[in-house]
Amino acid sequence: MDAFTAGLLQRIRTTETEMSRAREAGDDFLADVEQEELDDLRRLAAEHGVEVSTAGA
């Protein structure tokens, strides 16, 4: 796995975690911000042929 792919997958995992934390804390605004970031990261992954597992999403 190259550095781009590894970095992108790490950013996706981190964003998923942060989004879950925001939801658990009841911070709807932050959860929405994190969801938008996650959508962008997943789009970027798709554009570059990076397979993203959605099991943790």
N, C-alpha and C. Protein backbone atom coordinates (compact mmCIF):
# COMPACT_ATOMS: atom_id res chain seq x y z
N MET A 1 0.85 -1.17 0.00
CA MET A 1 0.00 0.00 0.00
C MET A 1 0.90 1.24 0.00
N ASP A 2 0.58 2.17 -0.87
CA ASP A 2 1.40 3.38 -0.94
C ASP A 2 1.00 4.38 0.15
N ALA A 3 1.81 5.40 0.30
CA ALA A 3 1.60 6.38 1.37
C ALA A 3 0.28 7.14 1.19
N PHE A 4 -0.09 7.45 -0.06
CA PHE A 4 -1.34 8.16 -0.31
C PHE A 4 -2.51 7.34 0.19
N THR A 5 -2.56 6.06 -0.19
CA THR A 5 -3.66 5.19 0.20
C THR A 5 -3.71 5.02 1.71
N ALA A 6 -2.57 4.76 2.31
CA ALA A 6 -2.52 4.57 3.76
C ALA A 6 -2.98 5.84 4.50
N GLY A 7 -2.52 6.98 4.04
CA GLY A 7 -2.91 8.24 4.66
C GLY A 7 -4.39 8.52 4.51
N LEU A 8 -4.91 8.26 3.34
CA LEU A 8 -6.33 8.49 3.07
C LEU A 8 -7.19 7.58 3.94
N LEU A 9 -6.84 6.31 4.03
CA LEU A 9 -7.61 5.38 4.85
C LEU A 9 -7.53 5.76 6.33
N GLN A 10 -6.37 6.25 6.78
CA GLN A 10 -6.25 6.69 8.17
C GLN A 10 -7.14 7.91 8.43
N ARG A 11 -7.14 8.84 7.49
CA ARG A 11 -8.00 10.03 7.65
C ARG A 11 -9.47 9.64 7.70
N ILE A 12 -9.87 8.66 6.90
CA ILE A 12 -11.26 8.19 6.91
C ILE A 12 -11.58 7.57 8.27
N ARG A 13 -10.70 6.71 8.78
CA ARG A 13 -10.95 6.09 10.09
C ARG A 13 -11.04 7.14 11.19
N THR A 14 -10.14 8.10 11.16
CA THR A 14 -10.13 9.16 12.18
C THR A 14 -11.42 9.98 12.11
N THR A 15 -11.84 10.32 10.91
CA THR A 15 -13.05 11.11 10.73
C THR A 15 -14.28 10.33 11.19
N GLU A 16 -14.33 9.04 10.90
CA GLU A 16 -15.44 8.21 11.36
C GLU A 16 -15.50 8.21 12.90
N THR A 17 -14.35 8.10 13.53
CA THR A 17 -14.29 8.11 14.99
C THR A 17 -14.75 9.44 15.55
N GLU A 18 -14.26 10.53 14.97
CA GLU A 18 -14.64 11.86 15.43
C GLU A 18 -16.14 12.12 15.23
N MET A 19 -16.69 11.63 14.13
CA MET A 19 -18.11 11.79 13.88
C MET A 19 -18.92 11.03 14.92
N SER A 20 -18.50 9.83 15.25
CA SER A 20 -19.20 9.04 16.27
C SER A 20 -19.14 9.74 17.63
N ARG A 21 -17.98 10.27 17.97
CA ARG A 21 -17.84 10.99 19.24
C ARG A 21 -18.76 12.20 19.29
N ALA A 22 -18.83 12.92 18.20
CA ALA A 22 -19.69 14.11 18.15
C ALA A 22 -21.15 13.71 18.32
N ARG A 23 -21.56 12.65 17.65
CA ARG A 23 -22.95 12.18 17.79
C ARG A 23 -23.25 11.75 19.22
N GLU A 24 -22.31 11.00 19.82
CA GLU A 24 -22.50 10.55 21.20
C GLU A 24 -22.60 11.72 22.17
N ALA A 25 -21.87 12.79 21.87
CA ALA A 25 -21.87 13.99 22.71
C ALA A 25 -23.08 14.88 22.43
N GLY A 26 -23.84 14.55 21.41
CA GLY A 26 -25.00 15.37 21.05
C GLY A 26 -24.65 16.63 20.30
N ASP A 27 -23.47 16.70 19.74
CA ASP A 27 -23.02 17.88 18.99
C ASP A 27 -23.37 17.69 17.52
N ASP A 28 -24.60 18.06 17.19
CA ASP A 28 -25.09 17.85 15.83
C ASP A 28 -24.30 18.63 14.79
N PHE A 29 -23.89 19.84 15.13
CA PHE A 29 -23.13 20.64 14.18
C PHE A 29 -21.81 19.97 13.84
N LEU A 30 -21.06 19.56 14.87
CA LEU A 30 -19.77 18.91 14.62
C LEU A 30 -19.97 17.58 13.89
N ALA A 31 -21.02 16.85 14.23
CA ALA A 31 -21.30 15.59 13.53
C ALA A 31 -21.54 15.85 12.04
N ASP A 32 -22.26 16.92 11.73
CA ASP A 32 -22.51 17.28 10.33
C ASP A 32 -21.22 17.67 9.62
N VAL A 33 -20.37 18.42 10.30
CA VAL A 33 -19.08 18.81 9.72
C VAL A 33 -18.24 17.57 9.42
N GLU A 34 -18.18 16.65 10.38
CA GLU A 34 -17.42 15.42 10.19
C GLU A 34 -18.02 14.56 9.08
N GLN A 35 -19.35 14.54 8.95
CA GLN A 35 -19.99 13.78 7.88
C GLN A 35 -19.61 14.35 6.52
N GLU A 36 -19.58 15.66 6.40
CA GLU A 36 -19.18 16.29 5.14
C GLU A 36 -17.74 15.94 4.80
N GLU A 37 -16.87 15.97 5.81
CA GLU A 37 -15.46 15.61 5.59
C GLU A 37 -15.36 14.15 5.14
N LEU A 38 -16.13 13.29 5.79
CA LEU A 38 -16.11 11.87 5.44
C LEU A 38 -16.61 11.66 4.01
N ASP A 39 -17.65 12.37 3.64
CA ASP A 39 -18.15 12.27 2.25
C ASP A 39 -17.07 12.68 1.26
N ASP A 40 -16.37 13.77 1.56
CA ASP A 40 -15.29 14.24 0.68
C ASP A 40 -14.16 13.22 0.59
N LEU A 41 -13.78 12.65 1.72
CA LEU A 41 -12.70 11.67 1.72
C LEU A 41 -13.09 10.41 0.95
N ARG A 42 -14.33 9.97 1.12
CA ARG A 42 -14.79 8.78 0.38
C ARG A 42 -14.86 9.06 -1.12
N ARG A 43 -15.25 10.28 -1.49
CA ARG A 43 -15.27 10.65 -2.90
C ARG A 43 -13.86 10.63 -3.47
N LEU A 44 -12.92 11.19 -2.72
CA LEU A 44 -11.52 11.20 -3.14
C LEU A 44 -11.00 9.77 -3.30
N ALA A 45 -11.34 8.92 -2.36
CA ALA A 45 -10.93 7.51 -2.44
C ALA A 45 -11.49 6.86 -3.70
N ALA A 46 -12.75 7.08 -3.98
CA ALA A 46 -13.38 6.49 -5.17
C ALA A 46 -12.71 6.99 -6.45
N GLU A 47 -12.39 8.28 -6.48
CA GLU A 47 -11.75 8.85 -7.65
C GLU A 47 -10.38 8.24 -7.92
N HIS A 48 -9.74 7.73 -6.87
CA HIS A 48 -8.40 7.17 -7.00
C HIS A 48 -8.37 5.65 -6.89
N GLY A 49 -9.57 5.05 -6.93
CA GLY A 49 -9.66 3.60 -6.90
C GLY A 49 -9.27 2.96 -5.58
N VAL A 50 -9.41 3.70 -4.50
CA VAL A 50 -9.10 3.17 -3.18
C VAL A 50 -10.37 2.58 -2.59
N GLU A 51 -10.33 1.29 -2.27
CA GLU A 51 -11.48 0.62 -1.69
C GLU A 51 -11.57 0.95 -0.21
N VAL A 52 -12.77 1.40 0.21
CA VAL A 52 -12.99 1.81 1.59
C VAL A 52 -14.04 0.87 2.19
N SER A 53 -13.67 0.24 3.27
CA SER A 53 -14.63 -0.62 4.01
C SER A 53 -15.61 0.30 4.74
N THR A 54 -16.88 -0.03 4.69
CA THR A 54 -17.88 0.78 5.39
C THR A 54 -18.36 0.09 6.66
N ALA A 55 -17.65 -0.94 7.10
CA ALA A 55 -18.06 -1.68 8.29
C ALA A 55 -18.08 -0.80 9.53
N GLY A 56 -17.15 0.15 9.62
CA GLY A 56 -17.09 1.00 10.80
C GLY A 56 -17.93 2.25 10.67
N ALA A 57 -18.56 2.44 9.55
CA ALA A 57 -19.33 3.67 9.31
C ALA A 57 -20.72 3.56 9.82
